[in-house]
């Protein structure tokens, strides 16, 4: 059973990357939200933490081995939690993770159903089921997920965390009212929080998110 692989990233599509290891080329399925970041690593060596599974084809008559790759064990752990929810298989989960995994995990922990509904293929009922099944489990790995992307706030300060979560939801709502899709709004707010973890007010998060958008444009 393959656990991890390290090789040169040859190409990256919307849902998979091709990695060269010696004389072999491996197709590795990746979350949609990771694809753009991986394109920045073309020609470089990247280590993937793997899930190795058999995908059913031809109504179960044929099974094809597949590799799913993540850039951290915590990302893999969240994916395994997500696919434990009834009705969410590997392929659906990979398509649904169009936002950074840390953003999705935070939405689950904060019971932010609206942000989850903005993910591809995740309707209201599924979003509510994800929150019901996973919110407490995700809280255990959320500090490590957010720490990886630069959120160095204090996870032990529960009151502060709750206030920041409310501020983020308010900021997302305002950005949606200004014309952003909920998915884009959630990602902008997450990036603003990572850039400055001291921001705890909704208005300040909106201003920081809009500034980030202007910088990208």
C-alpha atoms as a PDB file:
ATOM      1  CA  UNK A   1       0.000   0.000   0.000  1.00  0.00           C
ATOM      2  CA  UNK A   2       1.429   3.380  -1.024  1.00  0.00           C
ATOM      3  CA  UNK A   3       1.536   5.958   1.779  1.00  0.00           C
ATOM      4  CA  UNK A   4       3.462   8.843   0.228  1.00  0.00           C
ATOM      5  CA  UNK A   5       5.288   9.737  -2.948  1.00  0.00           C
ATOM      6  CA  UNK A   6       7.827  12.381  -3.885  1.00  0.00           C
ATOM      7  CA  UNK A   7       8.585  13.423  -7.426  1.00  0.00           C
ATOM      8  CA  UNK A   8       8.639  16.166 -10.025  1.00  0.00           C
ATOM      9  CA  UNK A   9       5.276  17.716 -10.886  1.00  0.00           C
ATOM     10  CA  UNK A  10       4.980  17.334 -14.649  1.00  0.00           C
ATOM     11  CA  UNK A  11       1.449  18.649 -15.240  1.00  0.00           C
ATOM     12  CA  UNK A  12      -1.636  19.698 -13.283  1.00  0.00           C
ATOM     13  CA  UNK A  13      -5.208  19.539 -14.514  1.00  0.00           C
ATOM     14  CA  UNK A  14      -8.397  20.572 -12.730  1.00  0.00           C
ATOM     15  CA  UNK A  15      -8.575  17.352 -10.729  1.00  0.00           C
ATOM     16  CA  UNK A  16      -5.248  15.525 -11.091  1.00  0.00           C
ATOM     17  CA  UNK A  17      -1.491  16.009 -11.215  1.00  0.00           C
ATOM     18  CA  UNK A  18       1.094  13.926 -13.041  1.00  0.00           C
ATOM     19  CA  UNK A  19       4.219  13.256 -10.983  1.00  0.00           C
ATOM     20  CA  UNK A  20       7.459  11.797 -12.344  1.00  0.00           C
ATOM     21  CA  UNK A  21       9.286   9.343 -10.074  1.00  0.00           C
ATOM     22  CA  UNK A  22      12.280   7.828 -11.803  1.00  0.00           C
ATOM     23  CA  UNK A  23      11.072   6.291 -15.082  1.00  0.00           C
ATOM     24  CA  UNK A  24       7.436   6.202 -13.950  1.00  0.00           C
ATOM     25  CA  UNK A  25       4.665   8.786 -14.306  1.00  0.00           C
ATOM     26  CA  UNK A  26       1.956   8.668 -11.627  1.00  0.00           C
ATOM     27  CA  UNK A  27      -1.487  10.222 -11.934  1.00  0.00           C
ATOM     28  CA  UNK A  28      -2.485  11.625  -8.562  1.00  0.00           C
ATOM     29  CA  UNK A  29      -6.004  12.909  -7.944  1.00  0.00           C
ATOM     30  CA  UNK A  30      -6.008  16.170  -5.971  1.00  0.00           C
ATOM     31  CA  UNK A  31      -8.676  18.411  -4.402  1.00  0.00           C
ATOM     32  CA  UNK A  32      -9.873  21.065  -6.828  1.00  0.00           C
ATOM     33  CA  UNK A  33      -8.735  23.816  -4.468  1.00  0.00           C
ATOM     34  CA  UNK A  34      -5.146  22.493  -4.498  1.00  0.00           C
ATOM     35  CA  UNK A  35      -4.792  22.444  -8.284  1.00  0.00           C
ATOM     36  CA  UNK A  36      -4.011  26.145  -8.771  1.00  0.00           C
ATOM     37  CA  UNK A  37      -1.368  26.098  -6.034  1.00  0.00           C
ATOM     38  CA  UNK A  38       0.235  22.972  -7.481  1.00  0.00           C
ATOM     39  CA  UNK A  39       0.558  24.660 -10.873  1.00  0.00           C
ATOM     40  CA  UNK A  40       3.036  26.981  -9.203  1.00  0.00           C
ATOM     41  CA  UNK A  41       5.173  23.909  -8.470  1.00  0.00           C
ATOM     42  CA  UNK A  42       5.506  22.657 -12.054  1.00  0.00           C
ATOM     43  CA  UNK A  43       8.980  21.222 -12.569  1.00  0.00           C
ATOM     44  CA  UNK A  44       9.624  21.049  -8.828  1.00  0.00           C
ATOM     45  CA  UNK A  45       9.703  18.092  -6.462  1.00  0.00           C
ATOM     46  CA  UNK A  46       6.625  17.783  -4.265  1.00  0.00           C
ATOM     47  CA  UNK A  47       5.778  15.196  -1.638  1.00  0.00           C
ATOM     48  CA  UNK A  48       2.212  13.894  -1.560  1.00  0.00           C
ATOM     49  CA  UNK A  49       0.593  12.101   1.361  1.00  0.00           C
ATOM     50  CA  UNK A  50      -1.533   9.432  -0.286  1.00  0.00           C
ATOM     51  CA  UNK A  51      -4.770   7.544  -0.086  1.00  0.00           C
ATOM     52  CA  UNK A  52      -4.678   4.434  -2.267  1.00  0.00           C
ATOM     53  CA  UNK A  53      -8.068   2.974  -3.211  1.00  0.00           C
ATOM     54  CA  UNK A  54      -9.868   0.942  -5.872  1.00  0.00           C
ATOM     55  CA  UNK A  55     -12.408   2.820  -7.985  1.00  0.00           C
ATOM     56  CA  UNK A  56     -15.367   0.849  -9.298  1.00  0.00           C
ATOM     57  CA  UNK A  57     -16.055   1.083 -13.028  1.00  0.00           C
ATOM     58  CA  UNK A  58     -18.421  -0.633 -15.468  1.00  0.00           C
ATOM     59  CA  UNK A  59     -21.026  -1.143 -12.723  1.00  0.00           C
ATOM     60  CA  UNK A  60     -18.561  -2.913 -10.491  1.00  0.00           C
ATOM     61  CA  UNK A  61     -17.185  -5.246 -13.135  1.00  0.00           C
ATOM     62  CA  UNK A  62     -13.810  -3.497 -13.157  1.00  0.00           C
ATOM     63  CA  UNK A  63     -11.812  -1.877 -10.338  1.00  0.00           C
ATOM     64  CA  UNK A  64      -9.042   0.599 -11.134  1.00  0.00           C
ATOM     65  CA  UNK A  65      -6.377   1.594  -8.570  1.00  0.00           C
ATOM     66  CA  UNK A  66      -6.343   5.306  -7.798  1.00  0.00           C
ATOM     67  CA  UNK A  67      -4.067   7.605  -5.813  1.00  0.00           C
ATOM     68  CA  UNK A  68      -5.350  10.698  -4.026  1.00  0.00           C
ATOM     69  CA  UNK A  69      -2.654  13.142  -2.923  1.00  0.00           C
ATOM     70  CA  UNK A  70      -2.422  15.787  -0.206  1.00  0.00           C
ATOM     71  CA  UNK A  71       0.423  18.033   0.879  1.00  0.00           C
ATOM     72  CA  UNK A  72      -0.012  17.282   4.591  1.00  0.00           C
ATOM     73  CA  UNK A  73      -1.215  14.470   6.813  1.00  0.00           C
ATOM     74  CA  UNK A  74      -3.766  16.827   8.374  1.00  0.00           C
ATOM     75  CA  UNK A  75      -5.316  17.563   4.978  1.00  0.00           C
ATOM     76  CA  UNK A  76      -5.579  13.808   4.416  1.00  0.00           C
ATOM     77  CA  UNK A  77      -7.161  13.386   7.851  1.00  0.00           C
ATOM     78  CA  UNK A  78      -9.817  15.992   7.044  1.00  0.00           C
ATOM     79  CA  UNK A  79     -10.534  14.340   3.682  1.00  0.00           C
ATOM     80  CA  UNK A  80     -11.017  10.992   5.401  1.00  0.00           C
ATOM     81  CA  UNK A  81     -13.461  12.621   7.812  1.00  0.00           C
ATOM     82  CA  UNK A  82     -15.352  14.254   4.955  1.00  0.00           C
ATOM     83  CA  UNK A  83     -15.682  10.997   3.024  1.00  0.00           C
ATOM     84  CA  UNK A  84     -17.065   9.275   6.123  1.00  0.00           C
ATOM     85  CA  UNK A  85     -20.254  11.324   5.647  1.00  0.00           C
ATOM     86  CA  UNK A  86     -23.004   9.332   3.945  1.00  0.00           C
ATOM     87  CA  UNK A  87     -23.254  10.130   0.239  1.00  0.00           C
ATOM     88  CA  UNK A  88     -19.795  11.709  -0.102  1.00  0.00           C
ATOM     89  CA  UNK A  89     -17.400   9.481  -2.010  1.00  0.00           C
ATOM     90  CA  UNK A  90     -13.819  10.232  -2.971  1.00  0.00           C
ATOM     91  CA  UNK A  91     -14.597  11.805  -6.345  1.00  0.00           C
ATOM     92  CA  UNK A  92     -17.399  13.965  -4.971  1.00  0.00           C
ATOM     93  CA  UNK A  93     -15.215  15.121  -2.078  1.00  0.00           C
ATOM     94  CA  UNK A  94     -12.362  16.062  -4.421  1.00  0.00           C
ATOM     95  CA  UNK A  95     -14.703  18.166  -6.576  1.00  0.00           C
ATOM     96  CA  UNK A  96     -16.353  19.723  -3.537  1.00  0.00           C
ATOM     97  CA  UNK A  97     -13.058  20.899  -2.017  1.00  0.00           C
ATOM     98  CA  UNK A  98     -12.840  23.916  -4.305  1.00  0.00           C
ATOM     99  CA  UNK A  99     -11.785  26.126  -1.396  1.00  0.00           C
ATOM    100  CA  UNK A 100      -8.610  25.558   0.638  1.00  0.00           C
ATOM    101  CA  UNK A 101      -9.113  22.635   3.007  1.00  0.00           C
ATOM    102  CA  UNK A 102      -8.427  24.884   6.010  1.00  0.00           C
ATOM    103  CA  UNK A 103     -11.300  27.152   4.890  1.00  0.00           C
ATOM    104  CA  UNK A 104     -13.704  24.238   4.544  1.00  0.00           C
ATOM    105  CA  UNK A 105     -12.628  22.750   7.875  1.00  0.00           C
ATOM    106  CA  UNK A 106     -13.146  26.078   9.614  1.00  0.00           C
ATOM    107  CA  UNK A 107     -16.646  26.335   8.123  1.00  0.00           C
ATOM    108  CA  UNK A 108     -17.454  22.849   9.450  1.00  0.00           C
ATOM    109  CA  UNK A 109     -16.117  23.619  12.927  1.00  0.00           C
ATOM    110  CA  UNK A 110     -18.021  26.921  13.040  1.00  0.00           C
ATOM    111  CA  UNK A 111     -21.204  25.273  11.684  1.00  0.00           C
ATOM    112  CA  UNK A 112     -21.218  27.688   8.762  1.00  0.00           C
ATOM    113  CA  UNK A 113     -23.744  25.898   6.555  1.00  0.00           C
ATOM    114  CA  UNK A 114     -23.956  28.745   4.037  1.00  0.00           C
ATOM    115  CA  UNK A 115     -20.250  28.532   3.177  1.00  0.00           C
ATOM    116  CA  UNK A 116     -20.457  24.738   2.841  1.00  0.00           C
ATOM    117  CA  UNK A 117     -23.463  25.082   0.524  1.00  0.00           C
ATOM    118  CA  UNK A 118     -21.314  27.212  -1.788  1.00  0.00           C
ATOM    119  CA  UNK A 119     -19.071  24.205  -2.471  1.00  0.00           C
ATOM    120  CA  UNK A 120     -19.717  22.271  -5.698  1.00  0.00           C
ATOM    121  CA  UNK A 121     -22.220  19.404  -5.267  1.00  0.00           C
ATOM    122  CA  UNK A 122     -22.932  20.266  -1.616  1.00  0.00           C
ATOM    123  CA  UNK A 123     -26.580  21.189  -1.099  1.00  0.00           C
ATOM    124  CA  UNK A 124     -28.273  22.389   2.067  1.00  0.00           C
ATOM    125  CA  UNK A 125     -29.125  18.921   3.369  1.00  0.00           C
ATOM    126  CA  UNK A 126     -25.621  17.593   2.771  1.00  0.00           C
ATOM    127  CA  UNK A 127     -24.064  20.702   4.356  1.00  0.00           C
ATOM    128  CA  UNK A 128     -26.219  20.247   7.447  1.00  0.00           C
ATOM    129  CA  UNK A 129     -25.261  16.562   7.627  1.00  0.00           C
ATOM    130  CA  UNK A 130     -21.558  17.440   7.377  1.00  0.00           C
ATOM    131  CA  UNK A 131     -21.884  19.901  10.255  1.00  0.00           C
ATOM    132  CA  UNK A 132     -23.885  17.437  12.357  1.00  0.00           C
ATOM    133  CA  UNK A 133     -21.451  14.559  11.796  1.00  0.00           C
ATOM    134  CA  UNK A 134     -18.123  16.371  11.777  1.00  0.00           C
ATOM    135  CA  UNK A 135     -18.140  19.704  13.630  1.00  0.00           C
ATOM    136  CA  UNK A 136     -16.803  18.275  16.907  1.00  0.00           C
ATOM    137  CA  UNK A 137     -14.323  15.956  15.164  1.00  0.00           C
ATOM    138  CA  UNK A 138     -12.933  18.750  12.982  1.00  0.00           C
ATOM    139  CA  UNK A 139     -12.341  20.997  15.995  1.00  0.00           C
ATOM    140  CA  UNK A 140      -9.581  18.593  17.088  1.00  0.00           C
ATOM    141  CA  UNK A 141      -7.520  19.048  13.914  1.00  0.00           C
ATOM    142  CA  UNK A 142      -8.491  22.631  13.028  1.00  0.00           C
ATOM    143  CA  UNK A 143      -5.632  24.306  14.962  1.00  0.00           C
ATOM    144  CA  UNK A 144      -3.052  22.283  13.023  1.00  0.00           C
ATOM    145  CA  UNK A 145      -4.783  22.939   9.693  1.00  0.00           C
ATOM    146  CA  UNK A 146      -4.925  26.697  10.216  1.00  0.00           C
ATOM    147  CA  UNK A 147      -1.414  26.841  11.685  1.00  0.00           C
ATOM    148  CA  UNK A 148      -0.040  25.392   8.445  1.00  0.00           C
ATOM    149  CA  UNK A 149      -1.412  28.297   6.429  1.00  0.00           C
ATOM    150  CA  UNK A 150      -0.205  30.982   8.777  1.00  0.00           C
ATOM    151  CA  UNK A 151      -3.087  31.426  11.221  1.00  0.00           C
ATOM    152  CA  UNK A 152      -1.132  31.693  14.446  1.00  0.00           C
ATOM    153  CA  UNK A 153      -3.990  32.765  16.649  1.00  0.00           C
ATOM    154  CA  UNK A 154      -4.422  31.056  19.999  1.00  0.00           C
ATOM    155  CA  UNK A 155      -6.749  28.070  19.513  1.00  0.00           C
ATOM    156  CA  UNK A 156      -7.209  27.637  23.244  1.00  0.00           C
ATOM    157  CA  UNK A 157      -9.008  30.949  23.639  1.00  0.00           C
ATOM    158  CA  UNK A 158     -12.501  29.658  22.909  1.00  0.00           C
ATOM    159  CA  UNK A 159     -14.260  32.978  23.392  1.00  0.00           C
ATOM    160  CA  UNK A 160     -11.912  34.766  21.024  1.00  0.00           C
ATOM    161  CA  UNK A 161     -12.269  31.978  18.459  1.00  0.00           C
ATOM    162  CA  UNK A 162     -16.058  32.204  18.567  1.00  0.00           C
ATOM    163  CA  UNK A 163     -15.979  35.970  18.131  1.00  0.00           C
ATOM    164  CA  UNK A 164     -13.620  35.663  15.166  1.00  0.00           C
ATOM    165  CA  UNK A 165     -15.903  33.058  13.622  1.00  0.00           C
ATOM    166  CA  UNK A 166     -18.902  35.384  13.941  1.00  0.00           C
ATOM    167  CA  UNK A 167     -16.880  38.225  12.419  1.00  0.00           C
ATOM    168  CA  UNK A 168     -15.884  36.027   9.475  1.00  0.00           C
ATOM    169  CA  UNK A 169     -19.482  35.032   8.806  1.00  0.00           C
ATOM    170  CA  UNK A 170     -20.557  38.680   8.952  1.00  0.00           C
ATOM    171  CA  UNK A 171     -17.751  39.662   6.577  1.00  0.00           C
ATOM    172  CA  UNK A 172     -18.702  36.942   4.101  1.00  0.00           C
ATOM    173  CA  UNK A 173     -22.328  38.080   4.188  1.00  0.00           C
ATOM    174  CA  UNK A 174     -21.302  41.677   3.434  1.00  0.00           C
ATOM    175  CA  UNK A 175     -19.049  40.603   0.541  1.00  0.00           C
ATOM    176  CA  UNK A 176     -21.890  38.541  -0.932  1.00  0.00           C
ATOM    177  CA  UNK A 177     -24.134  41.591  -0.698  1.00  0.00           C
ATOM    178  CA  UNK A 178     -21.445  43.522  -2.583  1.00  0.00           C
ATOM    179  CA  UNK A 179     -21.674  41.036  -5.438  1.00  0.00           C
ATOM    180  CA  UNK A 180     -19.099  38.351  -4.645  1.00  0.00           C
ATOM    181  CA  UNK A 181     -20.039  34.680  -4.828  1.00  0.00           C
ATOM    182  CA  UNK A 182     -20.065  33.041  -1.422  1.00  0.00           C
ATOM    183  CA  UNK A 183     -17.157  30.809  -2.427  1.00  0.00           C
ATOM    184  CA  UNK A 184     -14.972  33.757  -3.448  1.00  0.00           C
ATOM    185  CA  UNK A 185     -16.065  35.756  -0.399  1.00  0.00           C
ATOM    186  CA  UNK A 186     -15.148  32.904   1.947  1.00  0.00           C
ATOM    187  CA  UNK A 187     -11.728  32.503   0.365  1.00  0.00           C
ATOM    188  CA  UNK A 188     -11.010  36.253   0.514  1.00  0.00           C
ATOM    189  CA  UNK A 189     -11.965  36.361   4.189  1.00  0.00           C
ATOM    190  CA  UNK A 190      -9.820  33.296   4.942  1.00  0.00           C
ATOM    191  CA  UNK A 191      -6.840  34.891   3.213  1.00  0.00           C
ATOM    192  CA  UNK A 192      -7.402  38.123   5.150  1.00  0.00           C
ATOM    193  CA  UNK A 193      -7.468  36.180   8.423  1.00  0.00           C
ATOM    194  CA  UNK A 194      -4.241  34.383   7.525  1.00  0.00           C
ATOM    195  CA  UNK A 195      -2.545  37.638   6.551  1.00  0.00           C
ATOM    196  CA  UNK A 196      -3.464  39.301   9.848  1.00  0.00           C
ATOM    197  CA  UNK A 197      -4.775  36.946  12.580  1.00  0.00           C
ATOM    198  CA  UNK A 198      -5.290  39.940  14.909  1.00  0.00           C
ATOM    199  CA  UNK A 199      -8.313  41.139  12.913  1.00  0.00           C
ATOM    200  CA  UNK A 200     -11.450  40.234  14.875  1.00  0.00           C
ATOM    201  CA  UNK A 201     -14.029  42.731  13.611  1.00  0.00           C
ATOM    202  CA  UNK A 202     -16.283  42.040  10.647  1.00  0.00           C
ATOM    203  CA  UNK A 203     -15.843  45.489   9.106  1.00  0.00           C
ATOM    204  CA  UNK A 204     -12.070  45.192   9.295  1.00  0.00           C
ATOM    205  CA  UNK A 205     -12.187  41.763   7.662  1.00  0.00           C
ATOM    206  CA  UNK A 206     -14.297  43.160   4.816  1.00  0.00           C
ATOM    207  CA  UNK A 207     -11.810  45.995   4.268  1.00  0.00           C
ATOM    208  CA  UNK A 208      -8.839  43.595   4.349  1.00  0.00           C
ATOM    209  CA  UNK A 209     -10.556  41.184   1.954  1.00  0.00           C
ATOM    210  CA  UNK A 210     -11.348  43.951  -0.534  1.00  0.00           C
ATOM    211  CA  UNK A 211      -7.754  45.160  -0.353  1.00  0.00           C
ATOM    212  CA  UNK A 212      -6.505  41.652  -1.109  1.00  0.00           C
ATOM    213  CA  UNK A 213      -8.845  41.468  -4.080  1.00  0.00           C
ATOM    214  CA  UNK A 214      -7.504  44.766  -5.454  1.00  0.00           C
ATOM    215  CA  UNK A 215      -3.935  43.497  -5.053  1.00  0.00           C
ATOM    216  CA  UNK A 216      -4.745  40.344  -7.029  1.00  0.00           C
ATOM    217  CA  UNK A 217      -6.434  42.321  -9.807  1.00  0.00           C
END
